[in-house]
């Protein structure tokens, strides 16, 4: 690695750490101001049941990304790799994204598959393609959701100011990917984007449902804001699972839009649901027998 590359990497990591710390401070202040509301919340059996169902739904949505990993590896590698092995490499490492640095899960699946005969170069390319596909899928999901929000609602001007940029960015990204990839990649690429977009939409819908359960009314704006919060958390270098960054974005953007009731609590519950969903994914028996196959 050149000195310039090392400097850029270090600067990005420091910026990510600064953003994460700032987000933690913001959330701490918000929690201090709203502690009465948060501490007074006593979930009903119906709300607890709903959170359990949403946790399972989030785990199911994560399987979309797991199958994206299967598709990417399967297209890159000429010698077929058992699907169970590829799924296991994803489901058993995803929980490690909460380790500071936010790369342990990527390293874990890389080492697991390399030890089972998949070439280092193929794994590196697969990881790069997966990381690129996720923000593109988030942009596509935003393009689909933003137009259906009632513009008369006191919402975020930024969503409308940059509304024309989103379709252009999404179309340009998909067109570029379609043009530059080999013919055999075009169908897998479309499948990866469809699944990724489905995951992003599910993220937004899950948060909107949690907010509705807490605040008592459904807020359509919560869907694109949750997707945007996921994207910002994902793009923040080193933030473990987007921790604190996503919650801070949810609270600040929805607060700016005039919605303060229940937002902080909903953001914290969303983190609970997603973290529990990661553990459920880890416990799923998908491909477990492969852990003994070499």
C-alpha atoms as a PDB file:
ATOM      1  CA  UNK A   1       0.000   0.000   0.000  1.00  0.00           C
ATOM      2  CA  UNK A   2       1.420   3.404  -0.979  1.00  0.00           C
ATOM      3  CA  UNK A   3       1.889   6.204   1.536  1.00  0.00           C
ATOM      4  CA  UNK A   4      -0.894   8.190  -0.156  1.00  0.00           C
ATOM      5  CA  UNK A   5      -3.350   5.283   0.051  1.00  0.00           C
ATOM      6  CA  UNK A   6      -2.462   4.695   3.691  1.00  0.00           C
ATOM      7  CA  UNK A   7      -2.994   8.385   4.446  1.00  0.00           C
ATOM      8  CA  UNK A   8      -6.401   8.402   2.750  1.00  0.00           C
ATOM      9  CA  UNK A   9      -7.428   5.234   4.595  1.00  0.00           C
ATOM     10  CA  UNK A  10      -6.338   6.679   7.933  1.00  0.00           C
ATOM     11  CA  UNK A  11      -8.125   9.980   7.251  1.00  0.00           C
ATOM     12  CA  UNK A  12     -11.339   8.125   6.324  1.00  0.00           C
ATOM     13  CA  UNK A  13     -11.136   6.028   9.482  1.00  0.00           C
ATOM     14  CA  UNK A  14     -10.588   9.106  11.649  1.00  0.00           C
ATOM     15  CA  UNK A  15     -13.502  10.891   9.952  1.00  0.00           C
ATOM     16  CA  UNK A  16     -15.726   7.867  10.591  1.00  0.00           C
ATOM     17  CA  UNK A  17     -14.697   7.800  14.245  1.00  0.00           C
ATOM     18  CA  UNK A  18     -15.439  11.515  14.582  1.00  0.00           C
ATOM     19  CA  UNK A  19     -18.890  11.093  13.007  1.00  0.00           C
ATOM     20  CA  UNK A  20     -19.668   8.125  15.251  1.00  0.00           C
ATOM     21  CA  UNK A  21     -18.628  10.000  18.399  1.00  0.00           C
ATOM     22  CA  UNK A  22     -20.652  13.044  17.335  1.00  0.00           C
ATOM     23  CA  UNK A  23     -23.667  10.788  16.727  1.00  0.00           C
ATOM     24  CA  UNK A  24     -23.270   9.193  20.157  1.00  0.00           C
ATOM     25  CA  UNK A  25     -23.149  12.625  21.810  1.00  0.00           C
ATOM     26  CA  UNK A  26     -26.222  13.736  19.846  1.00  0.00           C
ATOM     27  CA  UNK A  27     -28.140  10.630  20.915  1.00  0.00           C
ATOM     28  CA  UNK A  28     -27.052  11.003  24.527  1.00  0.00           C
ATOM     29  CA  UNK A  29     -28.375  14.571  24.599  1.00  0.00           C
ATOM     30  CA  UNK A  30     -31.605  13.506  22.908  1.00  0.00           C
ATOM     31  CA  UNK A  31     -32.007  10.667  25.401  1.00  0.00           C
ATOM     32  CA  UNK A  32     -31.386  13.085  28.278  1.00  0.00           C
ATOM     33  CA  UNK A  33     -34.091  15.439  27.000  1.00  0.00           C
ATOM     34  CA  UNK A  34     -36.587  12.664  26.298  1.00  0.00           C
ATOM     35  CA  UNK A  35     -35.730  10.266  29.093  1.00  0.00           C
ATOM     36  CA  UNK A  36     -39.144  10.692  30.680  1.00  0.00           C
ATOM     37  CA  UNK A  37     -40.897   9.569  27.512  1.00  0.00           C
ATOM     38  CA  UNK A  38     -38.503   6.677  26.881  1.00  0.00           C
ATOM     39  CA  UNK A  39     -38.447   5.375  30.458  1.00  0.00           C
ATOM     40  CA  UNK A  40     -42.224   5.657  30.796  1.00  0.00           C
ATOM     41  CA  UNK A  41     -42.874   3.403  27.809  1.00  0.00           C
ATOM     42  CA  UNK A  42     -44.332   0.093  28.917  1.00  0.00           C
ATOM     43  CA  UNK A  43     -44.844  -2.259  25.979  1.00  0.00           C
ATOM     44  CA  UNK A  44     -48.081  -4.183  25.774  1.00  0.00           C
ATOM     45  CA  UNK A  45     -48.076  -7.907  24.973  1.00  0.00           C
ATOM     46  CA  UNK A  46     -49.247  -6.960  21.476  1.00  0.00           C
ATOM     47  CA  UNK A  47     -46.285  -4.604  20.992  1.00  0.00           C
ATOM     48  CA  UNK A  48     -43.850  -7.225  22.264  1.00  0.00           C
ATOM     49  CA  UNK A  49     -45.321  -9.758  19.865  1.00  0.00           C
ATOM     50  CA  UNK A  50     -45.012  -7.241  17.046  1.00  0.00           C
ATOM     51  CA  UNK A  51     -41.321  -6.652  17.821  1.00  0.00           C
ATOM     52  CA  UNK A  52     -40.705 -10.409  17.755  1.00  0.00           C
ATOM     53  CA  UNK A  53     -42.426 -10.690  14.372  1.00  0.00           C
ATOM     54  CA  UNK A  54     -40.425  -7.750  13.028  1.00  0.00           C
ATOM     55  CA  UNK A  55     -37.210  -9.376  14.232  1.00  0.00           C
ATOM     56  CA  UNK A  56     -38.065 -12.510  12.284  1.00  0.00           C
ATOM     57  CA  UNK A  57     -39.022 -10.393   9.275  1.00  0.00           C
ATOM     58  CA  UNK A  58     -35.663  -8.615   9.425  1.00  0.00           C
ATOM     59  CA  UNK A  59     -33.845 -11.957   9.536  1.00  0.00           C
ATOM     60  CA  UNK A  60     -35.799 -13.042   6.467  1.00  0.00           C
ATOM     61  CA  UNK A  61     -34.807  -9.799   4.722  1.00  0.00           C
ATOM     62  CA  UNK A  62     -31.151 -10.479   5.545  1.00  0.00           C
ATOM     63  CA  UNK A  63     -31.459 -13.736   3.623  1.00  0.00           C
ATOM     64  CA  UNK A  64     -31.964 -11.610   0.498  1.00  0.00           C
ATOM     65  CA  UNK A  65     -28.452 -10.241   1.011  1.00  0.00           C
ATOM     66  CA  UNK A  66     -27.129 -13.709   1.808  1.00  0.00           C
ATOM     67  CA  UNK A  67     -28.462 -14.992  -1.515  1.00  0.00           C
ATOM     68  CA  UNK A  68     -26.913 -11.967  -3.222  1.00  0.00           C
ATOM     69  CA  UNK A  69     -23.570 -13.158  -1.878  1.00  0.00           C
ATOM     70  CA  UNK A  70     -24.313 -16.624  -3.278  1.00  0.00           C
ATOM     71  CA  UNK A  71     -25.154 -15.140  -6.684  1.00  0.00           C
ATOM     72  CA  UNK A  72     -22.026 -12.980  -6.817  1.00  0.00           C
ATOM     73  CA  UNK A  73     -19.656 -15.781  -5.810  1.00  0.00           C
ATOM     74  CA  UNK A  74     -21.409 -18.269  -8.076  1.00  0.00           C
ATOM     75  CA  UNK A  75     -20.990 -15.952 -11.059  1.00  0.00           C
ATOM     76  CA  UNK A  76     -17.343 -15.176 -10.340  1.00  0.00           C
ATOM     77  CA  UNK A  77     -16.077 -18.665  -9.623  1.00  0.00           C
ATOM     78  CA  UNK A  78     -15.927 -21.226 -12.416  1.00  0.00           C
ATOM     79  CA  UNK A  79     -15.799 -24.263 -10.139  1.00  0.00           C
ATOM     80  CA  UNK A  80     -19.194 -24.468  -8.396  1.00  0.00           C
ATOM     81  CA  UNK A  81     -19.217 -23.914  -4.641  1.00  0.00           C
ATOM     82  CA  UNK A  82     -21.999 -25.602  -2.616  1.00  0.00           C
ATOM     83  CA  UNK A  83     -24.770 -23.093  -1.930  1.00  0.00           C
ATOM     84  CA  UNK A  84     -24.998 -24.177   1.707  1.00  0.00           C
ATOM     85  CA  UNK A  85     -21.312 -23.321   2.151  1.00  0.00           C
ATOM     86  CA  UNK A  86     -21.776 -19.845   0.683  1.00  0.00           C
ATOM     87  CA  UNK A  87     -24.856 -19.174   2.791  1.00  0.00           C
ATOM     88  CA  UNK A  88     -23.036 -20.322   5.909  1.00  0.00           C
ATOM     89  CA  UNK A  89     -20.142 -17.995   5.200  1.00  0.00           C
ATOM     90  CA  UNK A  90     -22.627 -15.115   5.288  1.00  0.00           C
ATOM     91  CA  UNK A  91     -25.006 -16.108   8.093  1.00  0.00           C
ATOM     92  CA  UNK A  92     -22.227 -17.032  10.522  1.00  0.00           C
ATOM     93  CA  UNK A  93     -20.185 -13.871  10.067  1.00  0.00           C
ATOM     94  CA  UNK A  94     -22.786 -11.115   9.695  1.00  0.00           C
ATOM     95  CA  UNK A  95     -23.063 -10.580  13.447  1.00  0.00           C
ATOM     96  CA  UNK A  96     -19.377  -9.566  13.505  1.00  0.00           C
ATOM     97  CA  UNK A  97     -20.245  -6.270  11.788  1.00  0.00           C
ATOM     98  CA  UNK A  98     -20.790  -4.824  15.278  1.00  0.00           C
ATOM     99  CA  UNK A  99     -17.100  -5.228  16.080  1.00  0.00           C
ATOM    100  CA  UNK A 100     -15.391  -1.810  15.852  1.00  0.00           C
ATOM    101  CA  UNK A 101     -13.918  -1.267  12.411  1.00  0.00           C
ATOM    102  CA  UNK A 102     -16.917  -2.788  10.630  1.00  0.00           C
ATOM    103  CA  UNK A 103     -14.776  -5.156   8.548  1.00  0.00           C
ATOM    104  CA  UNK A 104     -14.498  -8.275  10.721  1.00  0.00           C
ATOM    105  CA  UNK A 105     -17.551  -9.874   9.103  1.00  0.00           C
ATOM    106  CA  UNK A 106     -16.023  -9.324   5.660  1.00  0.00           C
ATOM    107  CA  UNK A 107     -12.674 -10.766   6.738  1.00  0.00           C
ATOM    108  CA  UNK A 108     -14.402 -13.698   8.423  1.00  0.00           C
ATOM    109  CA  UNK A 109     -16.317 -14.852   5.374  1.00  0.00           C
ATOM    110  CA  UNK A 110     -13.236 -14.277   3.214  1.00  0.00           C
ATOM    111  CA  UNK A 111     -11.068 -16.529   5.383  1.00  0.00           C
ATOM    112  CA  UNK A 112     -13.791 -19.159   5.714  1.00  0.00           C
ATOM    113  CA  UNK A 113     -14.222 -19.542   1.948  1.00  0.00           C
ATOM    114  CA  UNK A 114     -10.518 -19.207   1.161  1.00  0.00           C
ATOM    115  CA  UNK A 115      -9.818 -22.140   3.470  1.00  0.00           C
ATOM    116  CA  UNK A 116     -12.370 -24.093   1.452  1.00  0.00           C
ATOM    117  CA  UNK A 117     -10.715 -23.529  -1.886  1.00  0.00           C
ATOM    118  CA  UNK A 118     -12.148 -20.241  -3.190  1.00  0.00           C
ATOM    119  CA  UNK A 119      -9.428 -18.020  -4.629  1.00  0.00           C
ATOM    120  CA  UNK A 120      -8.427 -14.865  -2.745  1.00  0.00           C
ATOM    121  CA  UNK A 121      -8.814 -12.716  -5.857  1.00  0.00           C
ATOM    122  CA  UNK A 122     -12.368 -13.940  -6.496  1.00  0.00           C
ATOM    123  CA  UNK A 123     -13.337 -13.294  -2.891  1.00  0.00           C
ATOM    124  CA  UNK A 124     -11.880  -9.781  -2.966  1.00  0.00           C
ATOM    125  CA  UNK A 125     -13.807  -8.980  -6.155  1.00  0.00           C
ATOM    126  CA  UNK A 126     -17.006 -10.497  -4.728  1.00  0.00           C
ATOM    127  CA  UNK A 127     -16.723  -8.346  -1.600  1.00  0.00           C
ATOM    128  CA  UNK A 128     -16.165  -5.229  -3.706  1.00  0.00           C
ATOM    129  CA  UNK A 129     -19.187  -5.985  -5.904  1.00  0.00           C
ATOM    130  CA  UNK A 130     -21.353  -6.615  -2.852  1.00  0.00           C
ATOM    131  CA  UNK A 131     -20.277  -3.358  -1.216  1.00  0.00           C
ATOM    132  CA  UNK A 132     -21.029  -1.417  -4.405  1.00  0.00           C
ATOM    133  CA  UNK A 133     -24.420  -3.074  -4.904  1.00  0.00           C
ATOM    134  CA  UNK A 134     -25.753  -2.041  -1.485  1.00  0.00           C
ATOM    135  CA  UNK A 135     -25.707   1.775  -1.870  1.00  0.00           C
ATOM    136  CA  UNK A 136     -26.982   1.425  -5.453  1.00  0.00           C
ATOM    137  CA  UNK A 137     -29.904  -0.653  -4.124  1.00  0.00           C
ATOM    138  CA  UNK A 138     -30.555   1.974  -1.438  1.00  0.00           C
ATOM    139  CA  UNK A 139     -30.712   4.709  -4.086  1.00  0.00           C
ATOM    140  CA  UNK A 140     -33.104   2.631  -6.204  1.00  0.00           C
ATOM    141  CA  UNK A 141     -35.315   2.066  -3.142  1.00  0.00           C
ATOM    142  CA  UNK A 142     -35.371   5.810  -2.433  1.00  0.00           C
ATOM    143  CA  UNK A 143     -36.348   6.476  -6.042  1.00  0.00           C
ATOM    144  CA  UNK A 144     -39.291   4.103  -5.651  1.00  0.00           C
ATOM    145  CA  UNK A 145     -40.490   5.490  -2.309  1.00  0.00           C
ATOM    146  CA  UNK A 146     -39.973   9.254  -2.437  1.00  0.00           C
ATOM    147  CA  UNK A 147     -42.510   9.955  -5.233  1.00  0.00           C
ATOM    148  CA  UNK A 148     -45.381   8.349  -3.296  1.00  0.00           C
ATOM    149  CA  UNK A 149     -44.988  10.661  -0.296  1.00  0.00           C
ATOM    150  CA  UNK A 150     -47.523  13.447  -0.142  1.00  0.00           C
ATOM    151  CA  UNK A 151     -45.489  16.551  -0.966  1.00  0.00           C
ATOM    152  CA  UNK A 152     -47.970  18.690   0.985  1.00  0.00           C
ATOM    153  CA  UNK A 153     -46.872  16.914   4.175  1.00  0.00           C
ATOM    154  CA  UNK A 154     -44.421  18.983   6.280  1.00  0.00           C
ATOM    155  CA  UNK A 155     -41.500  16.891   5.137  1.00  0.00           C
ATOM    156  CA  UNK A 156     -37.818  17.265   4.436  1.00  0.00           C
ATOM    157  CA  UNK A 157     -37.077  19.796   1.688  1.00  0.00           C
ATOM    158  CA  UNK A 158     -33.859  17.924   0.924  1.00  0.00           C
ATOM    159  CA  UNK A 159     -35.812  14.915  -0.281  1.00  0.00           C
ATOM    160  CA  UNK A 160     -37.508  17.078  -2.878  1.00  0.00           C
ATOM    161  CA  UNK A 161     -34.609  19.399  -3.639  1.00  0.00           C
ATOM    162  CA  UNK A 162     -32.483  16.423  -4.584  1.00  0.00           C
ATOM    163  CA  UNK A 163     -35.397  14.336  -5.789  1.00  0.00           C
ATOM    164  CA  UNK A 164     -34.396  14.718  -9.424  1.00  0.00           C
ATOM    165  CA  UNK A 165     -30.852  13.598  -8.638  1.00  0.00           C
ATOM    166  CA  UNK A 166     -31.927  10.225  -7.273  1.00  0.00           C
ATOM    167  CA  UNK A 167     -33.550   8.857 -10.458  1.00  0.00           C
ATOM    168  CA  UNK A 168     -30.651  10.133 -12.551  1.00  0.00           C
ATOM    169  CA  UNK A 169     -28.085   8.590 -10.206  1.00  0.00           C
ATOM    170  CA  UNK A 170     -29.931   5.278 -10.072  1.00  0.00           C
ATOM    171  CA  UNK A 171     -30.444   5.102 -13.838  1.00  0.00           C
ATOM    172  CA  UNK A 172     -26.826   6.073 -14.528  1.00  0.00           C
ATOM    173  CA  UNK A 173     -25.526   3.484 -12.049  1.00  0.00           C
ATOM    174  CA  UNK A 174     -27.623   0.667 -13.475  1.00  0.00           C
ATOM    175  CA  UNK A 175     -26.826   1.688 -17.073  1.00  0.00           C
ATOM    176  CA  UNK A 176     -23.088   1.847 -16.345  1.00  0.00           C
ATOM    177  CA  UNK A 177     -23.111  -1.505 -14.585  1.00  0.00           C
ATOM    178  CA  UNK A 178     -25.054  -3.078 -17.452  1.00  0.00           C
ATOM    179  CA  UNK A 179     -22.735  -1.594 -20.078  1.00  0.00           C
ATOM    180  CA  UNK A 180     -19.427  -2.477 -18.497  1.00  0.00           C
ATOM    181  CA  UNK A 181     -20.155  -5.948 -17.154  1.00  0.00           C
ATOM    182  CA  UNK A 182     -19.868  -9.067 -19.247  1.00  0.00           C
ATOM    183  CA  UNK A 183     -23.017 -10.536 -20.747  1.00  0.00           C
ATOM    184  CA  UNK A 184     -23.048 -13.400 -18.256  1.00  0.00           C
ATOM    185  CA  UNK A 185     -23.171 -10.839 -15.428  1.00  0.00           C
ATOM    186  CA  UNK A 186     -26.277  -8.978 -16.573  1.00  0.00           C
ATOM    187  CA  UNK A 187     -28.952 -11.324 -15.222  1.00  0.00           C
ATOM    188  CA  UNK A 188     -27.096 -11.904 -11.899  1.00  0.00           C
ATOM    189  CA  UNK A 189     -26.630  -8.141 -11.568  1.00  0.00           C
ATOM    190  CA  UNK A 190     -30.354  -7.520 -11.980  1.00  0.00           C
ATOM    191  CA  UNK A 191     -31.146 -10.236  -9.413  1.00  0.00           C
ATOM    192  CA  UNK A 192     -28.686  -8.685  -6.952  1.00  0.00           C
ATOM    193  CA  UNK A 193     -30.226  -5.224  -7.383  1.00  0.00           C
ATOM    194  CA  UNK A 194     -33.784  -6.550  -7.022  1.00  0.00           C
ATOM    195  CA  UNK A 195     -32.951  -8.416  -3.834  1.00  0.00           C
ATOM    196  CA  UNK A 196     -30.939  -5.483  -2.478  1.00  0.00           C
ATOM    197  CA  UNK A 197     -33.772  -3.070  -3.193  1.00  0.00           C
ATOM    198  CA  UNK A 198     -36.185  -5.433  -1.462  1.00  0.00           C
ATOM    199  CA  UNK A 199     -33.950  -5.435   1.607  1.00  0.00           C
ATOM    200  CA  UNK A 200     -33.782  -1.627   1.673  1.00  0.00           C
ATOM    201  CA  UNK A 201     -37.553  -1.279   1.335  1.00  0.00           C
ATOM    202  CA  UNK A 202     -38.060  -3.789   4.128  1.00  0.00           C
ATOM    203  CA  UNK A 203     -35.727  -1.729   6.349  1.00  0.00           C
ATOM    204  CA  UNK A 204     -37.831   1.374   5.785  1.00  0.00           C
ATOM    205  CA  UNK A 205     -41.144  -0.414   6.263  1.00  0.00           C
ATOM    206  CA  UNK A 206     -39.965  -2.098   9.475  1.00  0.00           C
ATOM    207  CA  UNK A 207     -38.983   1.232  10.990  1.00  0.00           C
ATOM    208  CA  UNK A 208     -42.245   2.853   9.902  1.00  0.00           C
ATOM    209  CA  UNK A 209     -44.183   0.040  11.591  1.00  0.00           C
ATOM    210  CA  UNK A 210     -42.165   0.406  14.798  1.00  0.00           C
ATOM    211  CA  UNK A 211     -42.751   4.171  14.791  1.00  0.00           C
ATOM    212  CA  UNK A 212     -46.471   3.593  14.244  1.00  0.00           C
ATOM    213  CA  UNK A 213     -46.568   1.151  17.163  1.00  0.00           C
ATOM    214  CA  UNK A 214     -44.919   3.730  19.424  1.00  0.00           C
ATOM    215  CA  UNK A 215     -46.476   6.981  18.181  1.00  0.00           C
ATOM    216  CA  UNK A 216     -49.887   5.609  17.297  1.00  0.00           C
ATOM    217  CA  UNK A 217     -49.966   6.620  13.620  1.00  0.00           C
ATOM    218  CA  UNK A 218     -48.211   5.505  10.459  1.00  0.00           C
ATOM    219  CA  UNK A 219     -45.718   7.985   8.965  1.00  0.00           C
ATOM    220  CA  UNK A 220     -44.925   7.297   5.318  1.00  0.00           C
ATOM    221  CA  UNK A 221     -41.932   9.638   5.451  1.00  0.00           C
ATOM    222  CA  UNK A 222     -40.283   7.267   7.931  1.00  0.00           C
ATOM    223  CA  UNK A 223     -39.643   4.759   5.115  1.00  0.00           C
ATOM    224  CA  UNK A 224     -37.283   6.839   2.933  1.00  0.00           C
ATOM    225  CA  UNK A 225     -35.693   8.448   5.991  1.00  0.00           C
ATOM    226  CA  UNK A 226     -34.868   4.995   7.388  1.00  0.00           C
ATOM    227  CA  UNK A 227     -33.345   3.963   4.057  1.00  0.00           C
ATOM    228  CA  UNK A 228     -31.322   7.179   3.941  1.00  0.00           C
ATOM    229  CA  UNK A 229     -30.196   6.617   7.543  1.00  0.00           C
ATOM    230  CA  UNK A 230     -29.054   3.103   6.623  1.00  0.00           C
ATOM    231  CA  UNK A 231     -27.119   4.476   3.655  1.00  0.00           C
ATOM    232  CA  UNK A 232     -25.375   7.162   5.710  1.00  0.00           C
ATOM    233  CA  UNK A 233     -24.490   4.628   8.400  1.00  0.00           C
ATOM    234  CA  UNK A 234     -23.154   2.254   5.768  1.00  0.00           C
ATOM    235  CA  UNK A 235     -20.993   4.934   4.170  1.00  0.00           C
ATOM    236  CA  UNK A 236     -19.536   6.078   7.505  1.00  0.00           C
ATOM    237  CA  UNK A 237     -16.065   4.459   7.673  1.00  0.00           C
ATOM    238  CA  UNK A 238     -15.526   2.180  10.630  1.00  0.00           C
ATOM    239  CA  UNK A 239     -18.955   2.666  12.224  1.00  0.00           C
ATOM    240  CA  UNK A 240     -19.831  -0.808  13.572  1.00  0.00           C
ATOM    241  CA  UNK A 241     -23.123  -1.706  11.925  1.00  0.00           C
ATOM    242  CA  UNK A 242     -23.856   1.997  11.511  1.00  0.00           C
ATOM    243  CA  UNK A 243     -24.312   2.096  15.292  1.00  0.00           C
ATOM    244  CA  UNK A 244     -25.396   5.538  16.594  1.00  0.00           C
ATOM    245  CA  UNK A 245     -25.047   7.114  13.143  1.00  0.00           C
ATOM    246  CA  UNK A 246     -28.297   5.662  11.805  1.00  0.00           C
ATOM    247  CA  UNK A 247     -30.174   6.458  15.002  1.00  0.00           C
ATOM    248  CA  UNK A 248     -28.883  10.032  14.993  1.00  0.00           C
ATOM    249  CA  UNK A 249     -29.935  10.503  11.363  1.00  0.00           C
ATOM    250  CA  UNK A 250     -33.427   9.134  12.075  1.00  0.00           C
ATOM    251  CA  UNK A 251     -33.935  11.396  15.073  1.00  0.00           C
ATOM    252  CA  UNK A 252     -32.500  14.531  13.471  1.00  0.00           C
ATOM    253  CA  UNK A 253     -34.189  14.248  10.063  1.00  0.00           C
ATOM    254  CA  UNK A 254     -37.631  13.290  11.371  1.00  0.00           C
ATOM    255  CA  UNK A 255     -37.288  15.929  14.087  1.00  0.00           C
ATOM    256  CA  UNK A 256     -36.471  18.492  11.390  1.00  0.00           C
ATOM    257  CA  UNK A 257     -39.622  17.395   9.595  1.00  0.00           C
ATOM    258  CA  UNK A 258     -41.662  18.196  12.691  1.00  0.00           C
ATOM    259  CA  UNK A 259     -42.050  14.644  13.989  1.00  0.00           C
ATOM    260  CA  UNK A 260     -40.579  14.250  17.464  1.00  0.00           C
ATOM    261  CA  UNK A 261     -43.081  12.040  19.254  1.00  0.00           C
ATOM    262  CA  UNK A 262     -41.737   8.551  19.704  1.00  0.00           C
ATOM    263  CA  UNK A 263     -38.942   8.895  17.124  1.00  0.00           C
ATOM    264  CA  UNK A 264     -36.036   8.341  19.533  1.00  0.00           C
ATOM    265  CA  UNK A 265     -37.748   5.355  21.124  1.00  0.00           C
ATOM    266  CA  UNK A 266     -38.572   3.935  17.687  1.00  0.00           C
ATOM    267  CA  UNK A 267     -34.943   4.372  16.590  1.00  0.00           C
ATOM    268  CA  UNK A 268     -33.708   2.506  19.667  1.00  0.00           C
ATOM    269  CA  UNK A 269     -36.257  -0.270  19.131  1.00  0.00           C
ATOM    270  CA  UNK A 270     -35.223  -0.515  15.476  1.00  0.00           C
ATOM    271  CA  UNK A 271     -31.656  -1.133  16.611  1.00  0.00           C
ATOM    272  CA  UNK A 272     -32.931  -3.783  19.027  1.00  0.00           C
ATOM    273  CA  UNK A 273     -34.882  -5.488  16.239  1.00  0.00           C
ATOM    274  CA  UNK A 274     -31.990  -5.443  13.751  1.00  0.00           C
ATOM    275  CA  UNK A 275     -29.430  -6.670  16.295  1.00  0.00           C
ATOM    276  CA  UNK A 276     -31.735  -9.467  17.433  1.00  0.00           C
ATOM    277  CA  UNK A 277     -32.403 -10.257  13.779  1.00  0.00           C
ATOM    278  CA  UNK A 278     -28.679 -10.661  13.164  1.00  0.00           C
ATOM    279  CA  UNK A 279     -28.524 -13.159  16.039  1.00  0.00           C
ATOM    280  CA  UNK A 280     -31.519 -15.058  14.665  1.00  0.00           C
ATOM    281  CA  UNK A 281     -29.754 -15.241  11.296  1.00  0.00           C
ATOM    282  CA  UNK A 282     -26.680 -16.611  13.072  1.00  0.00           C
ATOM    283  CA  UNK A 283     -28.778 -19.299  14.760  1.00  0.00           C
ATOM    284  CA  UNK A 284     -30.545 -20.435  11.593  1.00  0.00           C
ATOM    285  CA  UNK A 285     -29.573 -23.998  10.616  1.00  0.00           C
ATOM    286  CA  UNK A 286     -28.869 -23.004   6.997  1.00  0.00           C
ATOM    287  CA  UNK A 287     -25.748 -24.827   5.845  1.00  0.00           C
ATOM    288  CA  UNK A 288     -24.632 -25.689   9.397  1.00  0.00           C
ATOM    289  CA  UNK A 289     -23.517 -29.195   8.410  1.00  0.00           C
ATOM    290  CA  UNK A 290     -20.901 -27.595   6.151  1.00  0.00           C
ATOM    291  CA  UNK A 291     -18.988 -26.420   9.207  1.00  0.00           C
ATOM    292  CA  UNK A 292     -17.730 -29.988   9.535  1.00  0.00           C
ATOM    293  CA  UNK A 293     -16.994 -30.489   5.835  1.00  0.00           C
ATOM    294  CA  UNK A 294     -13.576 -29.653   4.476  1.00  0.00           C
END
